[in-house]
């Protein structure tokens, strides 16, 4: 079946799911890919949503897991320790594709991420370790000190439980996929 919108992959549940994973994997490999910088959403201690842009570092389709790095002293780490679930939002304008993900999160830090630290570039290491810690008030925008610190790195492992994928074309298509049903997929009204 030929799709007049040019996205044949949007016409079947398995192909749409595969295309979403292709976009996630490309986000890890290509710094310019739309999937590189998703929005991560957590819930703070007041029950309010908190959303921020992060860098996607790993996408494993077999295990349905994603990884993001952060400073272990950031608010998001405390939010995830208190409530270990998160949402991720990706928008790929070229494909007219929105990917919304929900998952359970585990936070790894210290010796368990030493090999990750050793694999980072000097530029990337500079992102983990600030004095004062992230989120603290400053008298001036640049009144903080960078100090690459292996102990400041945290890896967030997001074990996906649900994927909601929306393709916006002449005929919008939306599907939900769940770990609990083996990612079979179900069409939804867009």
N, C-alpha and C. Protein backbone atom coordinates (compact mmCIF):
# COMPACT_ATOMS: atom_id res chain seq x y z
N UNK A 1 0.85 -1.18 0.00
CA UNK A 1 0.00 0.00 0.00
C UNK A 1 0.89 1.24 0.00
N UNK A 2 0.67 2.12 -0.92
CA UNK A 2 1.45 3.35 -0.99
C UNK A 2 0.72 4.45 -0.24
N UNK A 3 1.44 5.11 0.60
CA UNK A 3 0.88 6.18 1.42
C UNK A 3 1.07 7.50 0.68
N UNK A 4 0.01 8.24 0.36
CA UNK A 4 0.16 9.50 -0.36
C UNK A 4 0.95 10.55 0.42
N UNK A 5 1.12 10.34 1.73
CA UNK A 5 1.88 11.28 2.54
C UNK A 5 3.37 10.99 2.49
N UNK A 6 3.77 9.88 1.89
CA UNK A 6 5.17 9.54 1.77
C UNK A 6 5.76 8.79 2.95
N UNK A 7 4.95 8.42 3.92
CA UNK A 7 5.43 7.68 5.09
C UNK A 7 4.68 6.36 5.19
N UNK A 8 5.09 5.40 4.38
CA UNK A 8 4.45 4.08 4.42
C UNK A 8 4.54 3.44 5.80
N UNK A 9 5.62 3.76 6.54
CA UNK A 9 5.82 3.17 7.86
C UNK A 9 4.72 3.57 8.85
N UNK A 10 3.97 4.60 8.55
CA UNK A 10 2.92 5.05 9.47
C UNK A 10 1.63 4.26 9.32
N UNK A 11 1.57 3.33 8.37
CA UNK A 11 0.31 2.64 8.08
C UNK A 11 0.16 1.30 8.78
N UNK A 12 1.20 0.82 9.45
CA UNK A 12 1.07 -0.45 10.18
C UNK A 12 1.65 -0.30 11.58
N UNK A 13 1.08 -1.04 12.52
CA UNK A 13 1.54 -0.97 13.90
C UNK A 13 3.01 -1.38 14.05
N UNK A 14 3.44 -2.50 13.48
CA UNK A 14 4.86 -2.88 13.63
C UNK A 14 5.81 -1.86 12.97
N UNK A 15 5.44 -1.35 11.81
CA UNK A 15 6.31 -0.40 11.11
C UNK A 15 6.41 0.93 11.86
N UNK A 16 5.30 1.39 12.42
CA UNK A 16 5.31 2.64 13.18
C UNK A 16 6.18 2.49 14.43
N UNK A 17 6.04 1.38 15.12
CA UNK A 17 6.86 1.09 16.30
C UNK A 17 8.34 1.04 15.91
N UNK A 18 8.64 0.36 14.82
CA UNK A 18 10.02 0.27 14.35
C UNK A 18 10.59 1.63 13.98
N UNK A 19 9.78 2.47 13.37
CA UNK A 19 10.24 3.80 12.98
C UNK A 19 10.55 4.65 14.22
N UNK A 20 9.74 4.51 15.26
CA UNK A 20 10.02 5.24 16.49
C UNK A 20 11.37 4.82 17.06
N UNK A 21 11.63 3.52 17.11
CA UNK A 21 12.92 3.05 17.62
C UNK A 21 14.07 3.50 16.72
N UNK A 22 13.85 3.51 15.43
CA UNK A 22 14.88 4.00 14.51
C UNK A 22 15.24 5.44 14.84
N UNK A 23 14.25 6.26 15.12
CA UNK A 23 14.47 7.67 15.47
C UNK A 23 15.19 7.81 16.81
N UNK A 24 14.84 6.96 17.78
CA UNK A 24 15.51 7.00 19.07
C UNK A 24 16.98 6.59 18.93
N UNK A 25 17.22 5.52 18.21
CA UNK A 25 18.61 5.05 18.01
C UNK A 25 19.44 6.08 17.25
N UNK A 26 18.83 6.73 16.29
CA UNK A 26 19.55 7.77 15.56
C UNK A 26 19.88 8.95 16.48
N UNK A 27 18.99 9.25 17.42
CA UNK A 27 19.25 10.33 18.37
C UNK A 27 20.49 10.09 19.20
N UNK A 28 20.80 8.84 19.48
CA UNK A 28 22.01 8.51 20.23
C UNK A 28 23.24 8.69 19.35
N UNK A 29 23.14 8.26 18.10
CA UNK A 29 24.30 8.22 17.20
C UNK A 29 24.61 9.56 16.51
N UNK A 30 23.59 10.40 16.31
CA UNK A 30 23.75 11.61 15.51
C UNK A 30 23.39 12.84 16.34
N UNK A 31 24.38 13.68 16.60
CA UNK A 31 24.16 14.89 17.42
C UNK A 31 23.13 15.84 16.82
N UNK A 32 22.89 15.75 15.53
CA UNK A 32 21.95 16.67 14.87
C UNK A 32 20.54 16.09 14.72
N UNK A 33 20.37 14.85 15.11
CA UNK A 33 19.06 14.20 14.96
C UNK A 33 18.06 14.77 15.96
N UNK A 34 16.80 14.90 15.56
CA UNK A 34 15.78 15.42 16.47
C UNK A 34 15.63 14.59 17.75
N UNK A 35 15.93 13.30 17.68
CA UNK A 35 15.80 12.44 18.85
C UNK A 35 16.92 12.60 19.86
N UNK A 36 17.88 13.44 19.59
CA UNK A 36 19.03 13.61 20.48
C UNK A 36 18.66 14.32 21.79
N UNK A 37 17.71 15.26 21.72
CA UNK A 37 17.38 16.10 22.87
C UNK A 37 15.90 16.01 23.24
N UNK A 38 15.50 14.93 23.90
CA UNK A 38 14.10 14.83 24.33
C UNK A 38 13.83 15.69 25.56
N UNK A 39 12.57 15.82 25.87
CA UNK A 39 12.14 16.47 27.11
C UNK A 39 11.85 15.36 28.11
N UNK A 40 12.48 15.46 29.29
CA UNK A 40 12.26 14.50 30.38
C UNK A 40 11.34 15.15 31.39
N UNK A 41 10.29 14.45 31.77
CA UNK A 41 9.32 14.98 32.74
C UNK A 41 9.30 14.10 33.99
N UNK A 42 9.35 14.78 35.14
CA UNK A 42 9.27 14.12 36.44
C UNK A 42 8.21 14.85 37.26
N UNK A 43 8.02 14.41 38.50
CA UNK A 43 7.08 15.06 39.41
C UNK A 43 7.87 15.49 40.65
N UNK A 44 7.72 16.76 41.03
CA UNK A 44 8.48 17.26 42.19
C UNK A 44 7.78 16.91 43.50
N UNK A 45 8.37 17.33 44.61
CA UNK A 45 7.83 16.99 45.93
C UNK A 45 6.52 17.69 46.26
N UNK A 46 6.10 18.63 45.42
CA UNK A 46 4.80 19.29 45.59
C UNK A 46 3.75 18.67 44.67
N UNK A 47 4.15 17.64 43.91
CA UNK A 47 3.23 16.98 42.99
C UNK A 47 3.09 17.69 41.66
N UNK A 48 4.00 18.63 41.39
CA UNK A 48 3.93 19.40 40.15
C UNK A 48 4.87 18.82 39.10
N UNK A 49 4.46 18.89 37.83
CA UNK A 49 5.34 18.37 36.77
C UNK A 49 6.56 19.25 36.58
N UNK A 50 7.68 18.62 36.29
CA UNK A 50 8.92 19.31 35.98
C UNK A 50 9.45 18.72 34.67
N UNK A 51 9.68 19.58 33.69
CA UNK A 51 10.15 19.11 32.38
C UNK A 51 11.44 19.85 32.02
N UNK A 52 12.37 19.11 31.45
CA UNK A 52 13.63 19.72 31.01
C UNK A 52 14.19 18.92 29.85
N UNK A 53 15.00 19.59 29.04
CA UNK A 53 15.65 18.95 27.91
C UNK A 53 16.88 18.20 28.41
N UNK A 54 17.06 16.99 27.91
CA UNK A 54 18.21 16.16 28.27
C UNK A 54 18.85 15.64 26.98
N UNK A 55 19.96 14.96 27.12
CA UNK A 55 20.64 14.34 25.98
C UNK A 55 20.44 12.83 26.07
N UNK A 56 19.91 12.24 25.01
CA UNK A 56 19.72 10.79 24.97
C UNK A 56 21.08 10.14 24.73
N UNK A 57 21.50 9.25 25.63
CA UNK A 57 22.82 8.63 25.56
C UNK A 57 22.79 7.17 25.11
N UNK A 58 21.66 6.49 25.29
CA UNK A 58 21.56 5.09 24.87
C UNK A 58 20.10 4.75 24.62
N UNK A 59 19.89 3.90 23.61
CA UNK A 59 18.55 3.41 23.27
C UNK A 59 18.68 1.94 22.91
N UNK A 60 18.14 1.08 23.74
CA UNK A 60 18.24 -0.37 23.56
C UNK A 60 16.85 -0.93 23.31
N UNK A 61 16.56 -1.21 22.05
CA UNK A 61 15.23 -1.69 21.68
C UNK A 61 14.93 -3.06 22.28
N UNK A 62 15.92 -3.94 22.33
CA UNK A 62 15.71 -5.29 22.85
C UNK A 62 15.19 -5.26 24.29
N UNK A 63 15.80 -4.44 25.13
CA UNK A 63 15.37 -4.32 26.52
C UNK A 63 14.37 -3.18 26.75
N UNK A 64 14.08 -2.41 25.71
CA UNK A 64 13.20 -1.24 25.80
C UNK A 64 13.67 -0.31 26.91
N UNK A 65 14.96 0.04 26.86
CA UNK A 65 15.56 0.92 27.86
C UNK A 65 16.28 2.08 27.18
N UNK A 66 16.20 3.24 27.82
CA UNK A 66 16.92 4.43 27.39
C UNK A 66 17.80 4.88 28.54
N UNK A 67 18.87 5.62 28.20
CA UNK A 67 19.74 6.18 29.24
C UNK A 67 19.98 7.65 28.99
N UNK A 68 20.02 8.38 30.09
CA UNK A 68 20.29 9.81 30.12
C UNK A 68 21.29 10.04 31.24
N UNK A 69 22.22 10.98 31.06
CA UNK A 69 23.18 11.32 32.11
C UNK A 69 22.78 12.66 32.73
N UNK A 70 23.12 12.83 34.01
CA UNK A 70 22.83 14.08 34.69
C UNK A 70 23.77 14.24 35.88
N UNK A 71 23.74 15.40 36.50
CA UNK A 71 24.47 15.62 37.74
C UNK A 71 23.66 14.99 38.87
N UNK A 72 24.28 14.17 39.67
CA UNK A 72 23.55 13.44 40.72
C UNK A 72 22.94 14.37 41.76
N UNK A 73 23.39 15.64 41.82
CA UNK A 73 22.86 16.58 42.79
C UNK A 73 21.71 17.42 42.22
N UNK A 74 21.29 17.13 41.00
CA UNK A 74 20.21 17.91 40.37
C UNK A 74 18.86 17.53 40.97
N UNK A 75 17.91 18.44 40.82
CA UNK A 75 16.57 18.21 41.35
C UNK A 75 15.94 16.95 40.76
N UNK A 76 16.20 16.70 39.48
CA UNK A 76 15.55 15.55 38.85
C UNK A 76 15.94 14.24 39.51
N UNK A 77 17.17 14.14 40.01
CA UNK A 77 17.60 12.92 40.68
C UNK A 77 16.81 12.73 41.97
N UNK A 78 16.66 13.77 42.74
CA UNK A 78 15.87 13.67 43.98
C UNK A 78 14.42 13.34 43.67
N UNK A 79 13.88 13.96 42.62
CA UNK A 79 12.49 13.68 42.22
C UNK A 79 12.34 12.21 41.84
N UNK A 80 13.32 11.68 41.12
CA UNK A 80 13.23 10.28 40.67
C UNK A 80 13.48 9.30 41.80
N UNK A 81 14.25 9.69 42.77
CA UNK A 81 14.44 8.80 43.94
C UNK A 81 13.15 8.73 44.75
N UNK A 82 12.42 9.82 44.82
CA UNK A 82 11.16 9.85 45.56
C UNK A 82 10.02 9.20 44.78
N UNK A 83 10.03 9.34 43.47
CA UNK A 83 8.97 8.83 42.60
C UNK A 83 9.64 8.35 41.31
N UNK A 84 10.09 7.09 41.25
CA UNK A 84 10.94 6.62 40.17
C UNK A 84 10.22 6.31 38.84
N UNK A 85 9.47 7.28 38.36
CA UNK A 85 8.83 7.17 37.05
C UNK A 85 9.07 8.48 36.30
N UNK A 86 9.11 8.38 34.97
CA UNK A 86 9.33 9.59 34.17
C UNK A 86 8.64 9.44 32.83
N UNK A 87 8.45 10.58 32.20
CA UNK A 87 7.96 10.62 30.84
C UNK A 87 9.03 11.28 29.97
N UNK A 88 9.08 10.87 28.72
CA UNK A 88 9.97 11.49 27.74
C UNK A 88 9.14 11.89 26.54
N UNK A 89 9.45 13.03 25.96
CA UNK A 89 8.75 13.52 24.78
C UNK A 89 9.77 13.83 23.69
N UNK A 90 9.54 13.30 22.51
CA UNK A 90 10.37 13.55 21.33
C UNK A 90 9.48 14.10 20.23
N UNK A 91 9.99 15.05 19.49
CA UNK A 91 9.29 15.58 18.32
C UNK A 91 10.27 15.58 17.16
N UNK A 92 9.90 14.92 16.08
CA UNK A 92 10.72 14.88 14.87
C UNK A 92 9.94 15.62 13.77
N UNK A 93 10.31 16.89 13.51
CA UNK A 93 9.53 17.68 12.56
C UNK A 93 9.60 17.15 11.13
N UNK A 94 10.72 16.59 10.73
CA UNK A 94 10.83 16.06 9.36
C UNK A 94 9.92 14.88 9.11
N UNK A 95 9.73 14.06 10.11
CA UNK A 95 8.88 12.87 10.00
C UNK A 95 7.46 13.14 10.46
N UNK A 96 7.20 14.34 11.01
CA UNK A 96 5.89 14.67 11.57
C UNK A 96 5.50 13.63 12.61
N UNK A 97 6.46 13.32 13.48
CA UNK A 97 6.30 12.22 14.42
C UNK A 97 6.54 12.68 15.86
N UNK A 98 5.55 12.42 16.70
CA UNK A 98 5.66 12.67 18.14
C UNK A 98 5.76 11.32 18.83
N UNK A 99 6.74 11.20 19.73
CA UNK A 99 6.92 9.98 20.50
C UNK A 99 6.85 10.35 21.98
N UNK A 100 5.88 9.78 22.68
CA UNK A 100 5.76 9.99 24.13
C UNK A 100 6.00 8.66 24.81
N UNK A 101 6.89 8.68 25.78
CA UNK A 101 7.28 7.45 26.46
C UNK A 101 7.06 7.59 27.96
N UNK A 102 6.72 6.47 28.60
CA UNK A 102 6.63 6.43 30.06
C UNK A 102 7.44 5.24 30.53
N UNK A 103 8.15 5.44 31.64
CA UNK A 103 8.95 4.33 32.13
C UNK A 103 9.31 4.44 33.59
N UNK A 104 9.81 3.33 34.10
CA UNK A 104 10.34 3.25 35.45
C UNK A 104 11.82 3.60 35.39
N UNK A 105 12.29 4.36 36.37
CA UNK A 105 13.66 4.88 36.32
C UNK A 105 14.48 4.36 37.49
N UNK A 106 15.69 3.95 37.16
CA UNK A 106 16.69 3.61 38.17
C UNK A 106 17.83 4.62 38.03
N UNK A 107 18.32 5.08 39.17
CA UNK A 107 19.42 6.05 39.20
C UNK A 107 20.69 5.30 39.61
N UNK A 108 21.73 5.43 38.78
CA UNK A 108 23.02 4.83 39.08
C UNK A 108 24.04 5.95 39.27
N UNK A 109 24.89 5.81 40.28
CA UNK A 109 25.94 6.80 40.55
C UNK A 109 27.11 6.11 41.22
N UNK A 110 28.20 6.85 41.41
CA UNK A 110 29.37 6.31 42.11
C UNK A 110 30.11 5.28 41.28
N UNK A 111 30.58 4.23 41.94
CA UNK A 111 31.40 3.21 41.28
C UNK A 111 30.67 2.52 40.14
N UNK A 112 29.35 2.43 40.22
CA UNK A 112 28.59 1.73 39.17
C UNK A 112 28.62 2.46 37.83
N UNK A 113 29.02 3.74 37.83
CA UNK A 113 29.10 4.49 36.57
C UNK A 113 30.53 4.94 36.26
N UNK A 114 31.50 4.38 36.96
CA UNK A 114 32.91 4.75 36.73
C UNK A 114 33.31 4.53 35.27
N UNK A 115 32.91 3.43 34.65
CA UNK A 115 33.29 3.16 33.25
C UNK A 115 32.63 4.18 32.30
N UNK A 116 31.44 4.65 32.64
CA UNK A 116 30.79 5.68 31.82
C UNK A 116 31.63 6.96 31.90
N UNK A 117 32.02 7.35 33.11
CA UNK A 117 32.84 8.55 33.29
C UNK A 117 34.13 8.45 32.47
N UNK A 118 34.77 7.31 32.52
CA UNK A 118 36.04 7.13 31.81
C UNK A 118 35.87 7.24 30.30
N UNK A 119 34.68 6.98 29.79
CA UNK A 119 34.42 7.07 28.36
C UNK A 119 33.99 8.45 27.89
N UNK A 120 33.79 9.39 28.81
CA UNK A 120 33.35 10.74 28.43
C UNK A 120 34.51 11.59 27.95
N UNK A 121 34.21 12.50 27.03
CA UNK A 121 35.21 13.48 26.59
C UNK A 121 35.43 14.50 27.71
N UNK A 122 36.51 15.25 27.62
CA UNK A 122 36.76 16.31 28.61
C UNK A 122 35.62 17.32 28.62
N UNK A 123 35.10 17.64 27.43
CA UNK A 123 33.98 18.59 27.34
C UNK A 123 32.77 18.05 28.11
N UNK A 124 32.45 16.77 27.90
CA UNK A 124 31.30 16.17 28.58
C UNK A 124 31.52 16.10 30.09
N UNK A 125 32.74 15.76 30.51
CA UNK A 125 33.03 15.69 31.95
C UNK A 125 32.81 17.03 32.62
N UNK A 126 33.05 18.10 31.89
CA UNK A 126 32.87 19.45 32.43
C UNK A 126 31.42 19.74 32.84
N UNK A 127 30.50 18.93 32.35
CA UNK A 127 29.08 19.14 32.65
C UNK A 127 28.66 18.55 33.99
N UNK A 128 29.52 17.75 34.61
CA UNK A 128 29.16 17.06 35.84
C UNK A 128 30.09 17.49 36.95
N UNK A 129 29.61 18.36 37.78
CA UNK A 129 30.35 18.91 38.89
C UNK A 129 30.33 20.42 38.81
N UNK A 130 29.54 21.04 39.63
CA UNK A 130 29.44 22.51 39.71
C UNK A 130 29.46 22.88 41.18
N UNK A 131 30.00 24.04 41.45
CA UNK A 131 30.00 24.56 42.81
C UNK A 131 29.48 25.98 42.74
N UNK A 132 28.31 26.26 43.31
CA UNK A 132 27.46 25.35 44.08
C UNK A 132 26.74 24.34 43.18
N UNK A 133 25.99 23.44 43.80
CA UNK A 133 25.27 22.38 43.09
C UNK A 133 24.19 22.97 42.17
N UNK A 134 23.78 22.23 41.14
CA UNK A 134 22.75 22.70 40.23
C UNK A 134 21.47 23.13 40.97
N UNK A 135 20.89 24.22 40.50
CA UNK A 135 19.64 24.72 41.06
C UNK A 135 19.78 25.72 42.19
N UNK A 136 20.99 25.91 42.69
CA UNK A 136 21.19 26.89 43.76
C UNK A 136 21.16 28.30 43.21
N UNK A 137 20.74 29.25 44.04
CA UNK A 137 20.68 30.67 43.64
C UNK A 137 22.10 31.23 43.53
N UNK A 138 22.27 32.18 42.58
CA UNK A 138 23.55 32.86 42.35
C UNK A 138 23.35 34.37 42.37
N UNK A 139 24.39 35.11 42.74
CA UNK A 139 24.35 36.57 42.66
C UNK A 139 24.56 37.05 41.24
N UNK A 140 25.24 36.24 40.43
CA UNK A 140 25.54 36.58 39.05
C UNK A 140 25.40 35.31 38.22
N UNK A 141 24.99 35.42 36.96
CA UNK A 141 24.73 34.25 36.12
C UNK A 141 25.92 33.30 36.02
N UNK A 142 27.15 33.82 36.11
CA UNK A 142 28.33 32.97 35.96
C UNK A 142 29.11 32.80 37.27
N UNK A 143 28.44 32.99 38.39
CA UNK A 143 29.11 32.89 39.69
C UNK A 143 29.12 31.45 40.20
N UNK A 144 29.52 30.54 39.35
CA UNK A 144 29.70 29.15 39.74
C UNK A 144 31.02 28.67 39.17
N UNK A 145 31.49 27.56 39.72
CA UNK A 145 32.75 27.00 39.28
C UNK A 145 32.50 25.61 38.71
N UNK A 146 33.12 25.32 37.57
CA UNK A 146 33.06 23.98 36.98
C UNK A 146 34.22 23.18 37.57
N UNK A 147 33.93 21.97 37.96
CA UNK A 147 34.99 21.07 38.42
C UNK A 147 34.58 19.64 38.08
N UNK A 148 35.10 19.13 36.99
CA UNK A 148 34.73 17.76 36.60
C UNK A 148 34.96 16.78 37.76
N UNK A 149 33.90 16.14 38.16
CA UNK A 149 33.94 15.27 39.35
C UNK A 149 33.23 13.96 39.03
N UNK A 150 33.96 12.85 38.99
CA UNK A 150 33.33 11.57 38.68
C UNK A 150 32.13 11.25 39.59
N UNK A 151 32.21 11.66 40.86
CA UNK A 151 31.13 11.39 41.79
C UNK A 151 29.86 12.18 41.52
N UNK A 152 29.95 13.18 40.64
CA UNK A 152 28.77 13.99 40.33
C UNK A 152 27.92 13.38 39.20
N UNK A 153 28.47 12.41 38.49
CA UNK A 153 27.74 11.81 37.37
C UNK A 153 26.69 10.82 37.87
N UNK A 154 25.51 10.93 37.31
CA UNK A 154 24.45 9.94 37.54
C UNK A 154 23.92 9.50 36.18
N UNK A 155 23.61 8.23 36.08
CA UNK A 155 23.01 7.68 34.86
C UNK A 155 21.59 7.29 35.20
N UNK A 156 20.66 7.82 34.42
CA UNK A 156 19.24 7.48 34.58
C UNK A 156 18.90 6.40 33.56
N UNK A 157 18.50 5.26 34.04
CA UNK A 157 18.08 4.16 33.16
C UNK A 157 16.56 4.11 33.17
N UNK A 158 15.98 4.35 32.01
CA UNK A 158 14.52 4.41 31.90
C UNK A 158 14.03 3.14 31.22
N UNK A 159 13.39 2.30 31.99
CA UNK A 159 12.85 1.04 31.46
C UNK A 159 11.43 1.34 30.99
N UNK A 160 11.27 1.41 29.68
CA UNK A 160 9.99 1.82 29.13
C UNK A 160 8.88 0.84 29.46
N UNK A 161 7.70 1.41 29.76
CA UNK A 161 6.50 0.63 30.02
C UNK A 161 5.44 0.90 28.96
N UNK A 162 5.49 2.11 28.37
CA UNK A 162 4.48 2.49 27.39
C UNK A 162 5.07 3.46 26.38
N UNK A 163 4.65 3.30 25.12
CA UNK A 163 5.02 4.22 24.04
C UNK A 163 3.73 4.69 23.39
N UNK A 164 3.59 5.99 23.21
CA UNK A 164 2.44 6.58 22.52
C UNK A 164 3.02 7.33 21.33
N UNK A 165 2.70 6.87 20.13
CA UNK A 165 3.32 7.41 18.92
C UNK A 165 2.25 8.02 18.03
N UNK A 166 2.48 9.26 17.64
CA UNK A 166 1.53 10.01 16.82
C UNK A 166 2.22 10.49 15.56
N UNK A 167 1.67 10.11 14.41
CA UNK A 167 2.17 10.61 13.12
C UNK A 167 1.14 11.61 12.59
N UNK A 168 1.61 12.82 12.31
CA UNK A 168 0.73 13.86 11.79
C UNK A 168 0.94 13.97 10.29
N UNK A 169 -0.03 13.49 9.55
CA UNK A 169 -0.01 13.55 8.09
C UNK A 169 -1.38 13.97 7.61
N UNK A 170 -1.64 13.76 6.34
CA UNK A 170 -2.98 14.09 5.84
C UNK A 170 -4.03 13.33 6.64
N UNK A 171 -3.68 12.10 7.01
CA UNK A 171 -4.52 11.30 7.90
C UNK A 171 -3.67 11.01 9.13
N UNK A 172 -4.00 11.63 10.24
CA UNK A 172 -3.23 11.41 11.46
C UNK A 172 -3.43 9.97 11.94
N UNK A 173 -2.34 9.40 12.48
CA UNK A 173 -2.40 8.05 13.03
C UNK A 173 -1.71 8.05 14.39
N UNK A 174 -2.34 7.38 15.35
CA UNK A 174 -1.79 7.30 16.70
C UNK A 174 -1.91 5.87 17.20
N UNK A 175 -0.85 5.43 17.90
CA UNK A 175 -0.87 4.08 18.45
C UNK A 175 -0.21 4.07 19.82
N UNK A 176 -0.67 3.14 20.65
CA UNK A 176 -0.07 2.93 21.97
C UNK A 176 0.50 1.52 22.00
N UNK A 177 1.70 1.41 22.55
CA UNK A 177 2.39 0.13 22.70
C UNK A 177 2.75 -0.02 24.17
N UNK A 178 2.59 -1.24 24.69
CA UNK A 178 2.87 -1.47 26.10
C UNK A 178 3.77 -2.69 26.28
N UNK A 179 4.69 -2.57 27.23
CA UNK A 179 5.57 -3.70 27.55
C UNK A 179 4.73 -4.92 27.94
N UNK A 180 3.65 -4.68 28.70
CA UNK A 180 2.84 -5.77 29.23
C UNK A 180 2.20 -6.64 28.16
N UNK A 181 2.06 -6.13 26.93
CA UNK A 181 1.49 -6.97 25.86
C UNK A 181 2.52 -7.27 24.76
N UNK A 182 3.79 -7.15 25.13
CA UNK A 182 4.85 -7.48 24.18
C UNK A 182 5.01 -6.46 23.06
N UNK A 183 4.55 -5.23 23.29
CA UNK A 183 4.66 -4.13 22.33
C UNK A 183 3.84 -4.38 21.07
N UNK A 184 2.72 -5.11 21.20
CA UNK A 184 1.88 -5.44 20.05
C UNK A 184 1.27 -4.20 19.39
N UNK A 185 0.86 -3.25 20.17
CA UNK A 185 0.31 -2.02 19.64
C UNK A 185 -1.19 -2.05 19.50
N UNK A 186 -1.76 -0.85 19.58
CA UNK A 186 -3.20 -0.66 19.49
C UNK A 186 -3.42 0.72 18.88
N UNK A 187 -4.21 0.80 17.82
CA UNK A 187 -4.51 2.10 17.23
C UNK A 187 -5.41 2.88 18.15
N UNK A 188 -5.17 4.20 18.25
CA UNK A 188 -5.99 5.09 19.05
C UNK A 188 -6.49 6.23 18.16
N UNK A 189 -7.55 6.86 18.57
CA UNK A 189 -8.00 8.07 17.89
C UNK A 189 -6.94 9.15 18.14
N UNK A 190 -6.46 9.79 17.06
CA UNK A 190 -5.43 10.83 17.25
C UNK A 190 -5.96 12.03 18.02
